[in-house]
């Protein structure tokens, strides 16, 4: 991703659980630059039908690391 200031942000992740059509559970590791410590997060996306639309509940937690 590129910020409005032109800074690039890189992330990589692993899908830990996929339950179609209602859930995505994944980890993401963000590193702002090579000089910084990576930040690991866990993301949970829940999808719920609401008529012709879909409601998405997004949760993200930063994991503590040593």
C-alpha atoms as a PDB file:
ATOM      1  CA  UNK A   1       0.000   0.000   0.000  1.00  0.00           C
ATOM      2  CA  UNK A   2       1.111   3.544  -0.562  1.00  0.00           C
ATOM      3  CA  UNK A   3       0.167   6.291   1.916  1.00  0.00           C
ATOM      4  CA  UNK A   4      -0.982   9.755   0.776  1.00  0.00           C
ATOM      5  CA  UNK A   5       2.569  10.927   1.635  1.00  0.00           C
ATOM      6  CA  UNK A   6       4.033   8.414  -0.822  1.00  0.00           C
ATOM      7  CA  UNK A   7       5.354   5.953   1.804  1.00  0.00           C
ATOM      8  CA  UNK A   8       5.111   2.290   0.840  1.00  0.00           C
ATOM      9  CA  UNK A   9       3.816  -0.229   3.376  1.00  0.00           C
ATOM     10  CA  UNK A  10       4.341  -3.968   2.887  1.00  0.00           C
ATOM     11  CA  UNK A  11       2.353  -6.776   4.457  1.00  0.00           C
ATOM     12  CA  UNK A  12       2.247 -10.527   4.191  1.00  0.00           C
ATOM     13  CA  UNK A  13      -0.104 -12.962   5.797  1.00  0.00           C
ATOM     14  CA  UNK A  14      -1.468 -16.452   6.187  1.00  0.00           C
ATOM     15  CA  UNK A  15      -5.091 -17.548   5.975  1.00  0.00           C
ATOM     16  CA  UNK A  16      -5.719 -19.535   9.160  1.00  0.00           C
ATOM     17  CA  UNK A  17      -9.366 -20.368   8.542  1.00  0.00           C
ATOM     18  CA  UNK A  18     -11.788 -19.860   5.660  1.00  0.00           C
ATOM     19  CA  UNK A  19     -15.434 -20.725   6.205  1.00  0.00           C
ATOM     20  CA  UNK A  20     -17.433 -19.883   3.088  1.00  0.00           C
ATOM     21  CA  UNK A  21     -19.406 -17.699   2.949  1.00  0.00           C
ATOM     22  CA  UNK A  22     -19.219 -16.326   6.483  1.00  0.00           C
ATOM     23  CA  UNK A  23     -15.636 -16.055   7.817  1.00  0.00           C
ATOM     24  CA  UNK A  24     -12.041 -15.178   6.962  1.00  0.00           C
ATOM     25  CA  UNK A  25      -9.445 -15.488   9.746  1.00  0.00           C
ATOM     26  CA  UNK A  26      -5.889 -14.503   8.886  1.00  0.00           C
ATOM     27  CA  UNK A  27      -2.627 -13.177  10.233  1.00  0.00           C
ATOM     28  CA  UNK A  28      -0.874 -10.142   8.764  1.00  0.00           C
ATOM     29  CA  UNK A  29       2.674  -8.984   9.378  1.00  0.00           C
ATOM     30  CA  UNK A  30       3.398  -5.314   8.634  1.00  0.00           C
ATOM     31  CA  UNK A  31       6.827  -3.776   8.292  1.00  0.00           C
ATOM     32  CA  UNK A  32       7.056  -0.015   7.863  1.00  0.00           C
ATOM     33  CA  UNK A  33      10.701  -0.132   6.784  1.00  0.00           C
ATOM     34  CA  UNK A  34      13.679  -2.472   6.933  1.00  0.00           C
ATOM     35  CA  UNK A  35      14.860  -0.566  10.018  1.00  0.00           C
ATOM     36  CA  UNK A  36      11.699  -1.253  12.036  1.00  0.00           C
ATOM     37  CA  UNK A  37      10.454  -4.354  13.844  1.00  0.00           C
ATOM     38  CA  UNK A  38       7.582  -6.128  12.040  1.00  0.00           C
ATOM     39  CA  UNK A  39       4.137  -5.830  13.622  1.00  0.00           C
ATOM     40  CA  UNK A  40       1.992  -8.967  13.632  1.00  0.00           C
ATOM     41  CA  UNK A  41      -1.782  -8.693  13.680  1.00  0.00           C
ATOM     42  CA  UNK A  42      -4.696 -11.097  13.511  1.00  0.00           C
ATOM     43  CA  UNK A  43      -7.693 -10.153  11.354  1.00  0.00           C
ATOM     44  CA  UNK A  44     -11.194 -11.630  11.528  1.00  0.00           C
ATOM     45  CA  UNK A  45     -13.779 -10.786   8.863  1.00  0.00           C
ATOM     46  CA  UNK A  46     -17.358 -11.956   9.429  1.00  0.00           C
ATOM     47  CA  UNK A  47     -19.827 -11.699   6.526  1.00  0.00           C
ATOM     48  CA  UNK A  48     -23.573 -11.589   7.173  1.00  0.00           C
ATOM     49  CA  UNK A  49     -26.358 -11.352   4.589  1.00  0.00           C
ATOM     50  CA  UNK A  50     -28.794  -8.461   5.012  1.00  0.00           C
ATOM     51  CA  UNK A  51     -31.295  -8.756   2.194  1.00  0.00           C
ATOM     52  CA  UNK A  52     -29.498  -7.924  -1.060  1.00  0.00           C
ATOM     53  CA  UNK A  53     -26.488  -6.567   0.858  1.00  0.00           C
ATOM     54  CA  UNK A  54     -23.659  -8.008   2.945  1.00  0.00           C
ATOM     55  CA  UNK A  55     -22.611  -6.635   6.335  1.00  0.00           C
ATOM     56  CA  UNK A  56     -18.906  -7.078   7.099  1.00  0.00           C
ATOM     57  CA  UNK A  57     -17.614  -7.022  10.667  1.00  0.00           C
ATOM     58  CA  UNK A  58     -13.859  -6.325  10.722  1.00  0.00           C
ATOM     59  CA  UNK A  59     -11.732  -6.999  13.807  1.00  0.00           C
ATOM     60  CA  UNK A  60      -7.961  -6.555  14.023  1.00  0.00           C
ATOM     61  CA  UNK A  61      -5.757  -7.216  17.045  1.00  0.00           C
ATOM     62  CA  UNK A  62      -2.071  -6.373  17.367  1.00  0.00           C
ATOM     63  CA  UNK A  63      -0.169  -9.264  18.929  1.00  0.00           C
ATOM     64  CA  UNK A  64       2.452  -8.597  21.585  1.00  0.00           C
ATOM     65  CA  UNK A  65       5.861  -9.978  20.797  1.00  0.00           C
ATOM     66  CA  UNK A  66       9.064 -10.385  22.750  1.00  0.00           C
END
